[in-house]
Protein backbone atom coordinates (compact mmCIF):
# COMPACT_ATOMS: atom_id res chain seq x y z
CA UNK A 1 -11.86 2.33 14.20
CA UNK A 2 -9.29 3.46 11.65
CA UNK A 3 -10.47 4.26 8.15
CA UNK A 4 -8.62 1.34 6.55
CA UNK A 5 -10.04 -1.08 9.11
CA UNK A 6 -13.54 0.22 8.54
CA UNK A 7 -13.26 0.01 4.76
CA UNK A 8 -12.03 -3.59 4.94
CA UNK A 9 -14.83 -4.48 7.37
CA UNK A 10 -17.49 -2.95 5.13
CA UNK A 11 -16.17 -4.62 1.98
CA UNK A 12 -15.62 -7.94 3.74
CA UNK A 13 -19.04 -8.08 5.35
CA UNK A 14 -20.81 -7.04 2.15
CA UNK A 15 -18.73 -9.70 0.38
CA UNK A 16 -20.69 -12.20 2.47
CA UNK A 17 -23.98 -10.81 1.20
CA UNK A 18 -26.19 -7.70 0.92
CA UNK A 19 -27.37 -5.99 4.09
CA UNK A 20 -28.84 -2.71 5.26
CA UNK A 21 -26.76 -0.12 7.12
CA UNK A 22 -28.10 -0.94 10.57
CA UNK A 23 -27.34 -4.64 10.09
CA UNK A 24 -23.87 -3.78 8.74
CA UNK A 25 -23.17 -1.65 11.81
CA UNK A 26 -24.26 -4.50 14.07
CA UNK A 27 -22.03 -6.98 12.26
CA UNK A 28 -19.04 -4.61 12.52
CA UNK A 29 -19.70 -4.27 16.25
CA UNK A 30 -19.85 -8.07 16.57
CA UNK A 31 -16.55 -8.32 14.71
CA UNK A 32 -14.68 -5.62 16.61
CA UNK A 33 -16.62 -5.70 19.87
CA UNK A 34 -16.11 -3.08 22.51
CA UNK A 35 -12.45 -2.65 21.50
CA UNK A 36 -13.15 -0.63 18.38
CA UNK A 37 -16.70 0.67 18.30
CA UNK A 38 -17.89 2.37 15.13
CA UNK A 39 -20.11 5.41 15.21
CA UNK A 40 -22.75 6.42 12.69
CA UNK A 41 -20.56 9.48 12.05
CA UNK A 42 -17.80 7.19 10.78
CA UNK A 43 -19.81 4.39 9.18
CA UNK A 44 -22.24 6.25 6.95
CA UNK A 45 -19.65 8.64 5.42
CA UNK A 46 -17.43 5.59 4.76
CA UNK A 47 -20.34 3.86 2.99
CA UNK A 48 -20.96 7.02 0.95
CA UNK A 49 -17.26 7.19 -0.06
CA UNK A 50 -17.34 3.53 -1.13
CA UNK A 51 -20.56 4.12 -3.04
CA UNK A 52 -19.07 7.16 -4.86
CA UNK A 53 -16.01 5.05 -5.71
CA UNK A 54 -18.29 2.43 -7.29
CA UNK A 55 -17.39 -0.26 -4.75
CA UNK A 56 -20.78 -0.41 -3.03
CA UNK A 57 -24.27 -0.06 -4.50
CA UNK A 58 -27.43 0.96 -2.65
CA UNK A 59 -31.04 0.12 -3.43
CA UNK A 60 -34.36 0.28 -1.58
CA UNK A 61 -36.40 -2.68 -0.38
CA UNK A 62 -39.59 -3.02 1.59
CA UNK A 63 -38.94 -2.97 5.32
CA UNK A 64 -40.60 -5.06 7.99
CA UNK A 65 -42.64 -2.00 8.98
CA UNK A 66 -43.90 0.78 6.73
CA UNK A 67 -40.43 2.27 6.19
CA UNK A 68 -38.35 1.18 3.21
CA UNK A 69 -34.77 0.04 3.87
CA UNK A 70 -31.59 1.00 2.08
CA UNK A 71 -29.80 -2.25 1.21
CA UNK A 72 -26.09 -2.24 0.42
CA UNK A 73 -24.39 -4.66 -1.96
CA UNK A 74 -20.81 -5.12 -3.06
CA UNK A 75 -20.22 -4.31 -6.74
CA UNK A 76 -17.80 -6.30 -8.91
CA UNK A 77 -15.32 -3.44 -8.49
CA UNK A 78 -15.87 -3.68 -4.73
CA UNK A 79 -15.22 -7.43 -4.79
CA UNK A 80 -12.02 -6.83 -6.77
CA UNK A 81 -10.91 -4.18 -4.25
CA UNK A 82 -11.67 -6.52 -1.36
CA UNK A 83 -9.58 -9.26 -2.93
CA UNK A 84 -6.76 -6.81 -3.64
CA UNK A 85 -6.74 -5.65 0.00
CA UNK A 86 -6.74 -9.26 1.19
CA UNK A 87 -3.99 -10.38 -1.20
CA UNK A 88 -1.78 -7.31 -0.72
CA UNK A 89 -2.27 -6.11 2.86
CA UNK A 90 -0.36 -3.08 4.06
CA UNK A 91 2.56 -3.72 6.42
CA UNK A 92 0.48 -2.39 9.32
CA UNK A 93 -2.23 -4.97 8.53
CA UNK A 94 0.43 -7.65 9.06
CA UNK A 95 2.24 -6.21 12.10
CA UNK A 96 -0.71 -4.93 14.14
CA UNK A 97 -2.53 -7.87 15.74
CA UNK A 98 -5.97 -6.23 15.76
CA UNK A 99 -5.69 -5.23 12.11
CA UNK A 100 -4.36 -8.68 11.22
CA UNK A 101 -7.34 -10.30 12.92
CA UNK A 102 -9.61 -8.02 10.88
CA UNK A 103 -7.85 -9.29 7.77
CA UNK A 104 -8.19 -12.91 8.92
CA UNK A 105 -11.94 -12.46 9.37
CA UNK A 106 -12.30 -12.14 5.60
CA UNK A 107 -9.30 -14.05 4.22
CA UNK A 108 -11.56 -16.94 3.16
CA UNK A 109 -13.02 -14.58 0.53
CA UNK A 110 -9.64 -14.66 -1.20
CA UNK A 111 -10.28 -17.72 -3.40
CA UNK A 112 -6.65 -18.74 -4.09
CA UNK A 113 -5.07 -20.88 -1.32
CA UNK A 114 -1.60 -19.83 -2.52
CA UNK A 115 -2.55 -16.16 -2.07
CA UNK A 116 -3.97 -16.92 1.39
CA UNK A 117 -0.73 -18.73 2.29
CA UNK A 118 1.34 -15.75 1.10
CA UNK A 119 -0.50 -13.48 3.57
CA UNK A 120 -0.06 -15.95 6.43
CA UNK A 121 3.62 -16.39 5.56
CA UNK A 122 4.13 -12.61 5.87
CA UNK A 123 2.58 -12.70 9.34
CA UNK A 124 4.70 -15.69 10.37
CA UNK A 125 7.86 -13.98 9.10
CA UNK A 126 6.93 -10.90 11.10
CA UNK A 127 6.35 -12.93 14.27
CA UNK A 128 9.64 -14.78 13.88
CA UNK A 129 11.63 -11.54 13.81
CA UNK A 130 13.06 -11.01 17.31
CA UNK A 131 11.37 -8.14 19.11
CA UNK A 132 10.37 -7.11 22.58
CA UNK A 133 8.84 -4.40 24.67
CA UNK A 134 11.81 -3.73 26.92
CA UNK A 135 15.50 -3.63 26.01
CA UNK A 136 18.85 -3.54 27.76
CA UNK A 137 22.06 -2.85 25.88
CA UNK A 138 20.19 -3.13 22.58
CA UNK A 139 18.76 -6.61 23.18
CA UNK A 140 15.17 -7.51 24.10
CA UNK A 141 14.69 -8.60 27.70
CA UNK A 142 13.09 -11.96 28.51
CA UNK A 143 10.30 -12.15 31.08
CA UNK A 144 12.64 -13.91 33.49
CA UNK A 145 14.95 -10.87 33.47
CA UNK A 146 12.24 -8.36 34.41
CA UNK A 147 11.44 -7.70 38.09
CA UNK A 148 8.41 -5.45 37.54
CA UNK A 149 5.45 -7.91 37.74
CA UNK A 150 3.33 -5.93 35.29
CA UNK A 151 6.02 -5.72 32.65
CA UNK A 152 6.81 -9.41 33.23
CA UNK A 153 3.11 -10.11 32.69
CA UNK A 154 3.20 -8.26 29.38
CA UNK A 155 6.14 -10.34 28.25
CA UNK A 156 4.62 -13.64 29.41
CA UNK A 157 1.30 -12.95 27.70
CA UNK A 158 3.06 -11.85 24.50
CA UNK A 159 5.19 -15.01 24.56
CA UNK A 160 2.18 -17.28 25.04
CA UNK A 161 0.06 -15.65 22.36
CA UNK A 162 3.01 -15.49 19.96
CA UNK A 163 3.73 -19.18 20.48
CA UNK A 164 0.09 -20.11 19.91
CA UNK A 165 -0.22 -17.92 16.82
CA UNK A 166 3.00 -19.24 15.24
CA UNK A 167 1.79 -22.82 15.82
CA UNK A 168 -1.57 -22.05 14.20
CA UNK A 169 0.09 -20.27 11.28
CA UNK A 170 2.44 -23.21 10.60
CA UNK A 171 -0.43 -25.72 10.74
CA UNK A 172 -2.64 -23.62 8.49
CA UNK A 173 0.17 -22.98 6.02
CA UNK A 174 0.85 -26.73 5.81
CA UNK A 175 -2.83 -27.37 5.10
CA UNK A 176 -3.02 -24.60 2.47
CA UNK A 177 0.12 -25.82 0.75
CA UNK A 178 -1.42 -29.30 0.37
CA UNK A 179 -4.32 -27.90 -1.70
C-alpha cells in the first residue's frame, strides 16, 4: 500500500472513532482486502509519523486480558488534515481507481455536500476524457476493433465499469446538488 493511501486510510478510519493498532490494521485489511495488504512494518511507522505530526494521539487503556492496549485517536489537527485530503485530493487520487475508491470510503466525513460534489465532479470529468489502452494512428481502439480476446476483454470490462461509474457519479451529483 502506498504511503499516501495508508495515511488516508489511517486518518479516515480513526475519523470514525478511536481504535487500537491491531483493530486499525484489521479495518485497513477489510478496506483494501488482498489487493493491497499492509504490513506491521508499514503501518506502525506510519502511525508514529502521524503521531509526531500531531495528527494522531495515543493513550493506554485496560485490555481484555492482563495487557494494556494502546488506543489511537484522531486529533483536531488530524481531522483537519483528513478533511483537507478529502476536499483537495491529488490528481492520482482521482485518476487511479483503487486510490479513488479509498477516497470514496471516507468522503462522507467531508461535511459539505458541495465539497463532496466537487470531488465527484473531478472524477466524472476524468472519466469523460477519451482514453484507451490500445491505440492506432493516435486514436484509442474500441473493443470491436481488437482481435486479441484478452485485450478485447480488457476494453469490454473497462467500458462496462466506466459506464456504471459515470451513471453512479451523475446520480450522486444530482442528489448532492439538491441539498
